[in-house]
Amino acid sequence: MWLPALRRILKLFVVITVGTVALSALFGLLLDASIMRSIAIGFYLVGCFVLFGAFFFGNRGPIRSGGDSELGGPLRVTSRRWATKEEQEEAINSAAIFLPLGFVFILLGVVSDNKHSLF
């Protein structure tokens, strides 16, 4: 059970990392900026976005929408229901995955940033 989960999270991490490096390098070339600085800013942005997502995944309340709306437009009335225990655990577990992942991306940005040295 742990090995397939670890494999999936590692695959997700590698895909996001490679995509971030590729897009950041492309934007750096297009804007005639330093490639390493562009990659660092890309990691900062992705890390902040993932942390932002973790915050909202973890802070979903116990009430969910129950289904279709009865009226359209701004006067829409939807039914509400309490979240099941599984839905609440999923919200907490998603935040628990995204939070360290966001910090790792920000740490990668700090390590790859050549404007400020660590030592």
C-alpha atoms as a PDB file:
ATOM      1  CA  MET A   1       0.000   0.000   0.000  1.00  0.00           C
ATOM      2  CA  TRP A   2       2.776   2.452   0.862  1.00  0.00           C
ATOM      3  CA  LEU A   3       4.972   1.655  -2.127  1.00  0.00           C
ATOM      4  CA  PRO A   4       2.360   2.456  -4.832  1.00  0.00           C
ATOM      5  CA  ALA A   5       1.414   5.648  -2.984  1.00  0.00           C
ATOM      6  CA  LEU A   6       5.061   6.686  -2.756  1.00  0.00           C
ATOM      7  CA  ARG A   7       5.523   5.899  -6.443  1.00  0.00           C
ATOM      8  CA  ARG A   8       2.510   8.085  -7.377  1.00  0.00           C
ATOM      9  CA  ILE A   9       3.632  11.043  -5.268  1.00  0.00           C
ATOM     10  CA  LEU A  10       7.163  10.766  -6.641  1.00  0.00           C
ATOM     11  CA  LYS A  11       5.813  10.665 -10.197  1.00  0.00           C
ATOM     12  CA  LEU A  12       3.688  13.745  -9.467  1.00  0.00           C
ATOM     13  CA  PHE A  13       6.706  15.535  -7.998  1.00  0.00           C
ATOM     14  CA  VAL A  14       8.918  14.713 -11.008  1.00  0.00           C
ATOM     15  CA  VAL A  15       6.280  15.797 -13.543  1.00  0.00           C
ATOM     16  CA  ILE A  16       5.669  19.108 -11.758  1.00  0.00           C
ATOM     17  CA  THR A  17       9.414  19.715 -11.336  1.00  0.00           C
ATOM     18  CA  VAL A  18      10.250  19.014 -14.983  1.00  0.00           C
ATOM     19  CA  GLY A  19       7.302  21.103 -16.164  1.00  0.00           C
ATOM     20  CA  THR A  20       8.301  23.987 -13.910  1.00  0.00           C
ATOM     21  CA  VAL A  21      11.910  23.920 -15.089  1.00  0.00           C
ATOM     22  CA  ALA A  22      10.867  23.754 -18.759  1.00  0.00           C
ATOM     23  CA  LEU A  23       8.292  26.543 -18.579  1.00  0.00           C
ATOM     24  CA  SER A  24      10.484  28.755 -16.406  1.00  0.00           C
ATOM     25  CA  ALA A  25      13.464  28.340 -18.724  1.00  0.00           C
ATOM     26  CA  LEU A  26      11.263  29.134 -21.724  1.00  0.00           C
ATOM     27  CA  PHE A  27       9.936  32.300 -20.090  1.00  0.00           C
ATOM     28  CA  GLY A  28      13.481  33.226 -19.076  1.00  0.00           C
ATOM     29  CA  LEU A  29      14.653  32.911 -22.669  1.00  0.00           C
ATOM     30  CA  LEU A  30      11.663  34.864 -23.988  1.00  0.00           C
ATOM     31  CA  LEU A  31      12.199  37.685 -21.493  1.00  0.00           C
ATOM     32  CA  ASP A  32      15.997  37.633 -21.903  1.00  0.00           C
ATOM     33  CA  ALA A  33      16.499  36.929 -18.199  1.00  0.00           C
ATOM     34  CA  SER A  34      18.830  34.643 -16.308  1.00  0.00           C
ATOM     35  CA  ILE A  35      17.750  31.021 -16.715  1.00  0.00           C
ATOM     36  CA  MET A  36      18.592  30.052 -13.126  1.00  0.00           C
ATOM     37  CA  ARG A  37      16.734  33.062 -11.735  1.00  0.00           C
ATOM     38  CA  SER A  38      13.714  32.210 -13.912  1.00  0.00           C
ATOM     39  CA  ILE A  39      13.746  28.631 -12.663  1.00  0.00           C
ATOM     40  CA  ALA A  40      13.956  29.847  -9.050  1.00  0.00           C
ATOM     41  CA  ILE A  41      10.992  32.186  -9.556  1.00  0.00           C
ATOM     42  CA  GLY A  42       9.081  29.328 -11.198  1.00  0.00           C
ATOM     43  CA  PHE A  43       9.681  27.108  -8.169  1.00  0.00           C
ATOM     44  CA  TYR A  44       8.618  29.942  -5.865  1.00  0.00           C
ATOM     45  CA  LEU A  45       5.379  30.416  -7.794  1.00  0.00           C
ATOM     46  CA  VAL A  46       4.560  26.697  -7.959  1.00  0.00           C
ATOM     47  CA  GLY A  47       5.363  26.251  -4.272  1.00  0.00           C
ATOM     48  CA  CYS A  48       3.112  29.161  -3.301  1.00  0.00           C
ATOM     49  CA  PHE A  49       0.319  27.855  -5.519  1.00  0.00           C
ATOM     50  CA  VAL A  50       0.552  24.379  -3.969  1.00  0.00           C
ATOM     51  CA  LEU A  51       0.555  25.868  -0.446  1.00  0.00           C
ATOM     52  CA  PHE A  52      -2.468  27.959  -1.404  1.00  0.00           C
ATOM     53  CA  GLY A  53      -4.220  24.791  -2.566  1.00  0.00           C
ATOM     54  CA  ALA A  54      -3.280  22.974   0.638  1.00  0.00           C
ATOM     55  CA  PHE A  55      -4.807  25.772   2.674  1.00  0.00           C
ATOM     56  CA  PHE A  56      -8.117  25.559   0.849  1.00  0.00           C
ATOM     57  CA  PHE A  57      -8.218  21.757   0.783  1.00  0.00           C
ATOM     58  CA  GLY A  58      -7.630  21.630   4.520  1.00  0.00           C
ATOM     59  CA  ASN A  59     -10.128  24.349   5.392  1.00  0.00           C
ATOM     60  CA  ARG A  60     -13.189  22.991   3.667  1.00  0.00           C
ATOM     61  CA  GLY A  61     -16.047  23.092   6.101  1.00  0.00           C
ATOM     62  CA  PRO A  62     -18.252  20.196   7.148  1.00  0.00           C
ATOM     63  CA  ILE A  63     -21.161  21.296   4.903  1.00  0.00           C
ATOM     64  CA  ARG A  64     -21.273  20.278   1.230  1.00  0.00           C
ATOM     65  CA  SER A  65     -23.716  21.085  -1.531  1.00  0.00           C
ATOM     66  CA  GLY A  66     -26.344  18.417  -1.822  1.00  0.00           C
ATOM     67  CA  GLY A  67     -27.136  18.454  -5.501  1.00  0.00           C
ATOM     68  CA  ASP A  68     -28.799  20.400  -8.285  1.00  0.00           C
ATOM     69  CA  SER A  69     -30.058  23.929  -7.893  1.00  0.00           C
ATOM     70  CA  GLU A  70     -33.772  24.614  -7.943  1.00  0.00           C
ATOM     71  CA  LEU A  71     -33.480  28.125  -9.434  1.00  0.00           C
ATOM     72  CA  GLY A  72     -30.934  29.555 -11.822  1.00  0.00           C
ATOM     73  CA  GLY A  73     -28.973  32.765 -11.569  1.00  0.00           C
ATOM     74  CA  PRO A  74     -28.125  34.705  -8.429  1.00  0.00           C
ATOM     75  CA  LEU A  75     -31.230  33.423  -6.612  1.00  0.00           C
ATOM     76  CA  ARG A  76     -30.044  29.840  -6.867  1.00  0.00           C
ATOM     77  CA  VAL A  77     -31.100  27.672  -3.955  1.00  0.00           C
ATOM     78  CA  THR A  78     -29.147  24.477  -3.387  1.00  0.00           C
ATOM     79  CA  SER A  79     -29.629  21.837  -0.785  1.00  0.00           C
ATOM     80  CA  ARG A  80     -26.909  21.313   1.804  1.00  0.00           C
ATOM     81  CA  ARG A  81     -25.672  18.191   3.560  1.00  0.00           C
ATOM     82  CA  TRP A  82     -23.082  17.274   6.150  1.00  0.00           C
ATOM     83  CA  ALA A  83     -19.817  15.861   4.812  1.00  0.00           C
ATOM     84  CA  THR A  84     -19.198  12.216   5.479  1.00  0.00           C
ATOM     85  CA  LYS A  85     -16.289  11.086   7.621  1.00  0.00           C
ATOM     86  CA  GLU A  86     -14.458   9.916   4.483  1.00  0.00           C
ATOM     87  CA  GLU A  87     -14.848  13.349   2.841  1.00  0.00           C
ATOM     88  CA  GLN A  88     -13.483  15.081   5.925  1.00  0.00           C
ATOM     89  CA  GLU A  89     -10.530  12.681   6.120  1.00  0.00           C
ATOM     90  CA  GLU A  90      -9.852  13.204   2.412  1.00  0.00           C
ATOM     91  CA  ALA A  91      -9.712  16.978   2.936  1.00  0.00           C
ATOM     92  CA  ILE A  92      -7.208  16.607   5.766  1.00  0.00           C
ATOM     93  CA  ASN A  93      -5.123  14.029   3.888  1.00  0.00           C
ATOM     94  CA  SER A  94      -4.991  16.189   0.746  1.00  0.00           C
ATOM     95  CA  ALA A  95      -3.729  19.117   2.769  1.00  0.00           C
ATOM     96  CA  ALA A  96      -1.181  16.842   4.454  1.00  0.00           C
ATOM     97  CA  ILE A  97       0.211  15.907   1.034  1.00  0.00           C
ATOM     98  CA  PHE A  98       0.179  19.352  -0.544  1.00  0.00           C
ATOM     99  CA  LEU A  99       1.676  21.216   2.416  1.00  0.00           C
ATOM    100  CA  PRO A 100       5.109  19.508   2.450  1.00  0.00           C
ATOM    101  CA  LEU A 101       5.122  19.397  -1.355  1.00  0.00           C
ATOM    102  CA  GLY A 102       4.703  23.179  -1.475  1.00  0.00           C
ATOM    103  CA  PHE A 103       7.514  23.684   1.018  1.00  0.00           C
ATOM    104  CA  VAL A 104       9.777  21.408  -1.045  1.00  0.00           C
ATOM    105  CA  PHE A 105       9.139  23.475  -4.178  1.00  0.00           C
ATOM    106  CA  ILE A 106       9.899  26.699  -2.314  1.00  0.00           C
ATOM    107  CA  LEU A 107      13.073  25.084  -0.947  1.00  0.00           C
ATOM    108  CA  LEU A 108      14.049  24.110  -4.507  1.00  0.00           C
ATOM    109  CA  GLY A 109      13.553  27.742  -5.466  1.00  0.00           C
ATOM    110  CA  VAL A 110      15.808  28.891  -2.638  1.00  0.00           C
ATOM    111  CA  VAL A 111      18.500  26.381  -3.595  1.00  0.00           C
ATOM    112  CA  SER A 112      18.392  27.245  -7.311  1.00  0.00           C
ATOM    113  CA  ASP A 113      18.252  31.033  -6.777  1.00  0.00           C
ATOM    114  CA  ASN A 114      21.584  32.524  -7.803  1.00  0.00           C
ATOM    115  CA  LYS A 115      20.678  36.092  -6.788  1.00  0.00           C
ATOM    116  CA  HIS A 116      21.052  35.269  -3.088  1.00  0.00           C
ATOM    117  CA  SER A 117      23.599  32.758  -1.818  1.00  0.00           C
ATOM    118  CA  LEU A 118      22.843  30.476   1.088  1.00  0.00           C
ATOM    119  CA  PHE A 119      26.341  30.598   2.573  1.00  0.00           C
END
